[in-house]
Protein backbone atom coordinates (compact mmCIF):
# COMPACT_ATOMS: atom_id res chain seq x y z
CA UNK A 1 15.36 4.73 8.15
CA UNK A 2 17.66 3.82 11.02
CA UNK A 3 19.19 0.36 10.94
CA UNK A 4 20.01 -0.98 14.40
CA UNK A 5 22.76 -3.58 14.68
CA UNK A 6 21.80 -6.47 16.98
CA UNK A 7 19.29 -4.57 19.14
CA UNK A 8 18.69 -7.52 21.47
CA UNK A 9 22.28 -7.86 22.70
CA UNK A 10 22.92 -4.86 24.96
CA UNK A 11 19.25 -4.24 25.64
CA UNK A 12 18.77 -7.69 27.18
CA UNK A 13 21.91 -7.34 29.31
CA UNK A 14 20.77 -3.97 30.68
CA UNK A 15 17.18 -5.12 31.18
CA UNK A 16 18.23 -8.19 33.19
CA UNK A 17 20.77 -6.53 35.48
CA UNK A 18 18.32 -6.02 38.38
CA UNK A 19 16.36 -9.25 37.74
CA UNK A 20 18.39 -12.08 39.30
CA UNK A 21 15.48 -14.46 38.82
CA UNK A 22 15.85 -14.16 35.02
CA UNK A 23 17.94 -17.03 33.65
CA UNK A 24 18.85 -17.96 30.08
CA UNK A 25 18.91 -21.36 28.43
CA UNK A 26 20.56 -21.96 25.06
CA UNK A 27 20.35 -24.95 22.73
CA UNK A 28 23.85 -24.72 21.26
CA UNK A 29 23.01 -21.54 19.30
CA UNK A 30 24.27 -19.01 21.81
CA UNK A 31 25.97 -16.49 19.54
CA UNK A 32 23.54 -17.16 16.72
CA UNK A 33 20.79 -15.96 19.05
CA UNK A 34 22.80 -12.99 20.33
CA UNK A 35 23.28 -14.07 23.95
CA UNK A 36 27.03 -14.69 24.01
CA UNK A 37 27.61 -11.37 25.77
CA UNK A 38 24.73 -12.08 28.15
CA UNK A 39 26.40 -15.38 29.09
CA UNK A 40 29.71 -13.63 29.72
CA UNK A 41 28.02 -10.93 31.81
CA UNK A 42 25.88 -13.28 33.94
CA UNK A 43 27.64 -16.67 33.76
CA UNK A 44 25.90 -18.02 36.89
CA UNK A 45 22.49 -17.45 35.28
CA UNK A 46 23.26 -19.10 31.95
CA UNK A 47 22.70 -22.76 31.03
CA UNK A 48 24.00 -24.32 27.81
CA UNK A 49 21.72 -27.27 27.17
CA UNK A 50 23.24 -28.52 23.92
CA UNK A 51 21.26 -29.94 21.02
CA UNK A 52 18.59 -31.35 23.33
CA UNK A 53 15.55 -29.11 23.06
CA UNK A 54 13.16 -31.59 24.68
CA UNK A 55 15.35 -31.72 27.77
CA UNK A 56 15.78 -27.93 27.67
CA UNK A 57 12.04 -27.33 27.86
CA UNK A 58 11.63 -29.80 30.72
CA UNK A 59 14.56 -28.20 32.55
CA UNK A 60 13.01 -24.75 32.03
CA UNK A 61 9.74 -25.98 33.50
CA UNK A 62 11.58 -27.08 36.64
CA UNK A 63 13.30 -23.71 36.95
CA UNK A 64 9.99 -21.91 36.56
CA UNK A 65 8.43 -24.01 39.33
CA UNK A 66 11.27 -22.89 41.60
CA UNK A 67 10.57 -19.20 41.04
CA UNK A 68 12.89 -18.43 38.12
CA UNK A 69 11.94 -16.87 34.79
CA UNK A 70 13.68 -18.91 32.09
CA UNK A 71 14.30 -17.18 28.75
CA UNK A 72 14.99 -19.89 26.16
CA UNK A 73 17.01 -18.75 23.14
CA UNK A 74 17.23 -20.78 19.96
CA UNK A 75 15.87 -20.76 16.42
CA UNK A 76 12.10 -20.57 16.39
CA UNK A 77 11.55 -23.93 14.75
CA UNK A 78 13.49 -25.74 17.47
CA UNK A 79 11.30 -24.37 20.26
CA UNK A 80 8.07 -26.04 19.20
CA UNK A 81 8.42 -28.62 16.45
CA UNK A 82 10.48 -31.43 17.99
CA UNK A 83 9.83 -30.62 21.71
CA UNK A 84 6.10 -29.88 21.39
CA UNK A 85 5.04 -32.53 23.92
CA UNK A 86 7.31 -30.99 26.58
CA UNK A 87 6.14 -27.50 25.62
CA UNK A 88 2.47 -28.42 25.92
CA UNK A 89 2.54 -30.73 28.92
CA UNK A 90 5.43 -29.39 31.01
CA UNK A 91 5.07 -25.64 30.33
CA UNK A 92 1.71 -24.65 28.84
CA UNK A 93 -0.52 -27.05 30.78
CA UNK A 94 0.74 -25.88 34.21
CA UNK A 95 0.83 -22.29 32.86
CA UNK A 96 4.47 -21.66 33.83
CA UNK A 97 6.25 -18.33 33.14
CA UNK A 98 8.70 -19.63 30.54
CA UNK A 99 9.69 -17.20 27.76
CA UNK A 100 10.42 -18.86 24.42
CA UNK A 101 12.57 -16.52 22.32
CA UNK A 102 12.35 -17.87 18.79
CA UNK A 103 14.84 -16.43 16.30
CA UNK A 104 14.61 -16.55 12.48
CA UNK A 105 10.84 -17.15 12.30
CA UNK A 106 9.15 -17.87 9.00
CA UNK A 107 11.36 -17.45 5.94
CA UNK A 108 14.01 -15.28 7.57
CA UNK A 109 16.54 -18.12 7.41
CA UNK A 110 18.23 -19.51 4.29
CA UNK A 111 18.35 -22.89 6.03
CA UNK A 112 15.40 -24.36 4.15
CA UNK A 113 12.49 -26.38 5.51
CA UNK A 114 14.33 -27.81 8.52
CA UNK A 115 14.97 -24.32 9.87
CA UNK A 116 11.89 -22.38 8.71
CA UNK A 117 9.16 -21.91 11.32
CA UNK A 118 6.27 -21.34 8.93
CA UNK A 119 3.56 -22.94 11.09
CA UNK A 120 4.63 -21.86 14.59
CA UNK A 121 1.90 -19.26 15.06
CA UNK A 122 -0.78 -21.75 14.00
CA UNK A 123 0.45 -24.39 16.44
CA UNK A 124 1.05 -22.08 19.38
CA UNK A 125 -2.19 -20.11 18.91
CA UNK A 126 -3.90 -23.48 19.34
CA UNK A 127 -1.96 -24.22 22.54
CA UNK A 128 -3.93 -23.22 25.68
CA UNK A 129 -2.37 -20.62 28.00
CA UNK A 130 0.19 -19.56 25.37
CA UNK A 131 0.73 -15.87 24.52
CA UNK A 132 2.20 -15.26 21.05
CA UNK A 133 4.16 -12.08 20.21
CA UNK A 134 5.74 -11.14 16.86
CA UNK A 135 8.48 -8.51 16.51
CA UNK A 136 8.52 -6.29 13.43
CA UNK A 137 11.35 -3.83 14.08
CA UNK A 138 14.08 -2.76 16.53
CA UNK A 139 11.61 -0.97 18.82
CA UNK A 140 9.59 -4.18 19.11
CA UNK A 141 12.76 -6.15 19.89
CA UNK A 142 13.77 -3.66 22.60
CA UNK A 143 10.33 -3.49 24.24
CA UNK A 144 9.11 -7.08 23.94
CA UNK A 145 10.97 -8.12 27.11
CA UNK A 146 8.72 -5.98 29.34
CA UNK A 147 5.61 -7.25 27.55
CA UNK A 148 6.61 -10.90 27.89
CA UNK A 149 7.68 -10.55 31.51
CA UNK A 150 4.34 -9.03 32.49
CA UNK A 151 2.46 -12.15 31.33
CA UNK A 152 1.59 -14.64 34.04
CA UNK A 153 2.22 -17.71 31.94
CA UNK A 154 4.22 -18.96 28.95
CA UNK A 155 5.09 -16.58 26.12
CA UNK A 156 6.38 -17.33 22.63
CA UNK A 157 8.26 -14.48 20.93
CA UNK A 158 9.14 -14.38 17.22
CA UNK A 159 12.45 -12.48 17.45
CA UNK A 160 14.59 -10.59 14.95
CA UNK A 161 18.37 -10.52 14.93
CA UNK A 162 21.27 -8.88 13.11
CA UNK A 163 20.56 -5.64 11.23
CA UNK A 164 17.03 -4.61 12.19
CA UNK A 165 15.24 -1.49 10.93
CA UNK A 166 13.61 0.93 13.35
CA UNK A 167 10.14 1.47 11.91
CA UNK A 168 8.54 2.84 15.07
CA UNK A 169 9.61 5.67 17.32
CA UNK A 170 11.54 4.50 20.39
CA UNK A 171 8.76 5.81 22.63
CA UNK A 172 6.11 3.85 20.71
CA UNK A 173 6.77 0.60 22.55
CA UNK A 174 5.03 -2.71 22.01
CA UNK A 175 1.91 -3.21 24.09
CA UNK A 176 0.15 -6.48 24.74
CA UNK A 177 -2.90 -7.05 22.51
CA UNK A 178 -2.65 -3.57 20.98
CA UNK A 179 -2.00 -3.00 17.29
CA UNK A 180 -0.18 0.09 16.09
CA UNK A 181 -2.29 2.20 13.75
CA UNK A 182 0.21 3.44 11.16
CA UNK A 183 -2.20 5.16 8.77
CA UNK A 184 -5.89 5.89 8.51
CA UNK A 185 -8.30 5.52 5.63
CA UNK A 186 -11.60 3.92 4.72
CA UNK A 187 -10.95 2.15 1.42
CA UNK A 188 -8.81 -0.81 2.51
CA UNK A 189 -7.70 -2.19 5.88
CA UNK A 190 -4.22 -3.76 5.90
CA UNK A 191 -3.05 -5.78 8.89
CA UNK A 192 0.60 -6.82 8.79
CA UNK A 193 3.03 -8.51 11.16
CA UNK A 194 6.72 -9.37 11.43
CA UNK A 195 8.99 -8.20 8.60
CA UNK A 196 5.98 -7.86 6.32
CA UNK A 197 5.16 -4.54 8.00
CA UNK A 198 8.20 -2.88 6.43
CA UNK A 199 7.08 -4.10 3.00
CA UNK A 200 3.51 -2.95 3.70
CA UNK A 201 4.73 0.52 4.70
CA UNK A 202 6.51 0.90 1.37
CA UNK A 203 3.40 -0.10 -0.55
CA UNK A 204 0.96 1.99 1.48
CA UNK A 205 3.11 5.12 1.12
CA UNK A 206 2.83 4.90 -2.67
CA UNK A 207 -0.81 3.79 -2.76
CA UNK A 208 -1.96 6.58 -0.47
CA UNK A 209 -0.24 9.05 -2.80
CA UNK A 210 -2.43 7.57 -5.56
CA UNK A 211 -5.55 8.36 -3.57
CA UNK A 212 -6.26 5.03 -1.86
CA UNK A 213 -7.43 5.45 1.73
CA UNK A 214 -5.61 2.80 3.77
CA UNK A 215 -5.97 1.93 7.42
CA UNK A 216 -2.70 0.11 8.14
CA UNK A 217 -2.21 -1.73 11.43
CA UNK A 218 0.96 -3.43 12.63
CA UNK A 219 0.01 -6.45 14.72
CA UNK A 220 2.56 -7.60 17.31
CA UNK A 221 0.24 -9.70 19.51
CA UNK A 222 -1.14 -12.74 17.70
CA UNK A 223 -2.63 -14.28 20.84
CA UNK A 224 -4.65 -12.90 22.56
CA UNK A 225 -6.28 -11.27 19.54
CA UNK A 226 -9.06 -8.98 20.72
CA UNK A 227 -7.85 -5.41 20.18
CA UNK A 228 -10.97 -3.36 19.30
CA UNK A 229 -8.88 -1.28 16.88
CA UNK A 230 -8.68 -4.31 14.58
CA UNK A 231 -12.44 -4.66 14.20
CA UNK A 232 -12.83 -0.89 13.86
CA UNK A 233 -10.46 -0.96 10.89
CA UNK A 234 -12.23 -3.95 9.36
CA UNK A 235 -15.69 -2.43 9.67
CA UNK A 236 -14.55 0.87 8.18
CA UNK A 237 -12.94 -0.71 5.09
CA UNK A 238 -15.12 -0.08 2.03
CA UNK A 239 -13.46 -2.55 -0.34
CA UNK A 240 -12.08 -5.15 2.02
CA UNK A 241 -9.27 -6.38 4.25
CA UNK A 242 -5.75 -7.66 3.52
CA UNK A 243 -3.52 -9.54 5.94
CA UNK A 244 0.21 -9.90 5.32
CA UNK A 245 2.41 -12.24 7.36
CA UNK A 246 5.73 -14.07 7.45
CA UNK A 247 3.95 -17.39 7.97
CA UNK A 248 1.54 -19.78 6.33
CA UNK A 249 -1.87 -18.28 5.56
CA UNK A 250 -3.26 -21.24 7.52
CA UNK A 251 -3.55 -20.60 11.24
CA UNK A 252 -1.63 -17.32 11.50
CA UNK A 253 -2.64 -13.66 11.32
CA UNK A 254 -4.91 -14.23 8.32
CA UNK A 255 -6.79 -16.98 10.13
CA UNK A 256 -7.06 -14.91 13.31
CA UNK A 257 -8.60 -12.05 11.32
CA UNK A 258 -10.94 -14.44 9.47
CA UNK A 259 -12.14 -15.88 12.79
CA UNK A 260 -12.75 -12.40 14.16
CA UNK A 261 -14.65 -11.32 11.06
CA UNK A 262 -16.77 -14.46 11.01
CA UNK A 263 -17.72 -14.18 14.68
CA UNK A 264 -18.65 -10.51 14.22
CA UNK A 265 -20.57 -11.17 11.02
CA UNK A 266 -18.40 -8.72 9.09
CA UNK A 267 -19.36 -9.22 5.44
CA UNK A 268 -16.10 -8.01 3.90
CA UNK A 269 -13.72 -9.46 1.35
CA UNK A 270 -10.55 -10.86 2.96
CA UNK A 271 -7.27 -11.40 1.09
CA UNK A 272 -4.52 -13.30 2.92
CA UNK A 273 -0.90 -12.74 1.89
CA UNK A 274 1.51 -15.36 3.19
CA UNK A 275 2.87 -18.79 2.34
CA UNK A 276 0.12 -20.64 0.51
CA UNK A 277 0.34 -24.18 1.92
CA UNK A 278 3.90 -24.72 0.69
CA UNK A 279 7.36 -25.33 2.11
CA UNK A 280 9.85 -22.65 1.11
CA UNK A 281 13.25 -22.98 -0.53
CA UNK A 282 16.50 -22.18 1.22
CA UNK A 283 17.50 -18.73 -0.05
CA UNK A 284 17.89 -15.10 1.00
CA UNK A 285 15.06 -13.24 2.69
CA UNK A 286 14.72 -10.84 -0.25
CA UNK A 287 14.48 -13.69 -2.75
CA UNK A 288 12.00 -15.70 -0.69
CA UNK A 289 9.68 -12.75 -0.01
CA UNK A 290 9.54 -12.03 -3.73
CA UNK A 291 9.28 -15.69 -4.74
CA UNK A 292 6.34 -16.36 -2.41
CA UNK A 293 4.57 -13.02 -2.81
CA UNK A 294 5.25 -11.52 0.62
CA UNK A 295 6.75 -8.28 -0.68
CA UNK A 296 5.47 -4.76 -1.31
CA UNK A 297 4.62 -5.27 -4.98
CA UNK A 298 2.48 -8.28 -4.06
CA UNK A 299 0.54 -6.10 -1.65
CA UNK A 300 0.03 -3.51 -4.39
CA UNK A 301 -1.48 -6.24 -6.57
CA UNK A 302 -3.81 -7.31 -3.78
CA UNK A 303 -5.01 -3.73 -3.23
CA UNK A 304 -5.54 -3.29 -6.97
CA UNK A 305 -7.64 -6.44 -6.99
CA UNK A 306 -9.83 -5.18 -4.14
CA UNK A 307 -10.44 -1.66 -5.45
CA UNK A 308 -10.67 -2.74 -9.11
CA UNK A 309 -8.09 -0.27 -10.35
CA UNK A 310 -4.56 -0.52 -11.75
CA UNK A 311 -1.97 2.03 -10.69
CA UNK A 312 0.91 1.08 -12.99
CA UNK A 313 3.36 0.83 -10.11
CA UNK A 314 6.69 -0.93 -10.48
CA UNK A 315 9.19 -2.35 -8.04
CA UNK A 316 11.38 0.68 -8.75
CA UNK A 317 8.57 2.94 -7.49
CA UNK A 318 8.48 1.00 -4.23
CA UNK A 319 12.26 0.75 -3.87
CA UNK A 320 12.43 4.55 -4.05
CA UNK A 321 10.33 4.91 -0.89
CA UNK A 322 12.41 6.02 2.10
CA UNK A 323 10.78 5.04 5.37
CA UNK A 324 11.01 7.08 8.55
CA UNK A 325 10.31 5.83 12.05
CA UNK A 326 6.70 6.62 12.86
CA UNK A 327 4.67 7.00 16.02
CA UNK A 328 1.48 5.00 16.21
CA UNK A 329 -1.78 6.81 15.51
CA UNK A 330 -3.63 4.51 17.88
CA UNK A 331 -6.23 6.21 20.04
CA UNK A 332 -5.06 6.91 23.56
CA UNK A 333 -7.87 4.83 25.04
CA UNK A 334 -6.69 1.83 22.96
CA UNK A 335 -3.28 1.86 24.63
């Protein structure tokens, strides 16, 4: 599997070169959010707002009203928790084209509860006019800019930084409200998002070799949430559905799927993998995903519970899986 170093840096610079209306705002985390080179390349379009996120969101709203497209870069938790009133009233209510680029979502930061955005999807799914996107690999990071810019209104993006794996072929770009179908089967439907997709791919590769038919979908759009491929996978699943997310099980992908199933009257078992109404420790990503059951072996256990069969798999079996970038199996008409 290819590991891409800081995929956002050069891609964002190249993408913005012919878009003078695109401006960037930073809340004193410029290099931490990989826009130091962007600032140096386009200094007249960069605003350092300091540790004043409430003011930053109000300032961005003013820029948007004047015809600019502000891209706000900071850690995810600082885009919605403290400045939520400005986000809701100054940006979402007037439906302004502000792009909120939230880095280190969920438990991707060792910074502990003050830095972990574990409820952001729940809060922003409940915010009218807000589109919510979630990156899972380098291809998502590179293609999310076009998706966000095409939305006529505010967009919240859960971004990845640093060393990012390329799980999807470069040509298999993110599309609004379209899940990637990574494998097909009729025993279990697995819907994953964010960094949980890499863990799910490891588990599904081994489980499919054991004869379990798995329909695996990578979900990058959490609002809107009406891709027909999702319900097709749910209805086809003989044993049930599993969601897996880098977020609380309350209000995120698992809740979105539960709402969809309830409204459609889909009488299937649903298992939600995510943070179970807890705050996480400050530790490494690998430790936290294992500690809170967001890793591949946890998914294996959930599948075993649904199908009523034990496969005797160990973490060594999963660690031995070597992932290759894949192209979505989504139907052409779903794209």
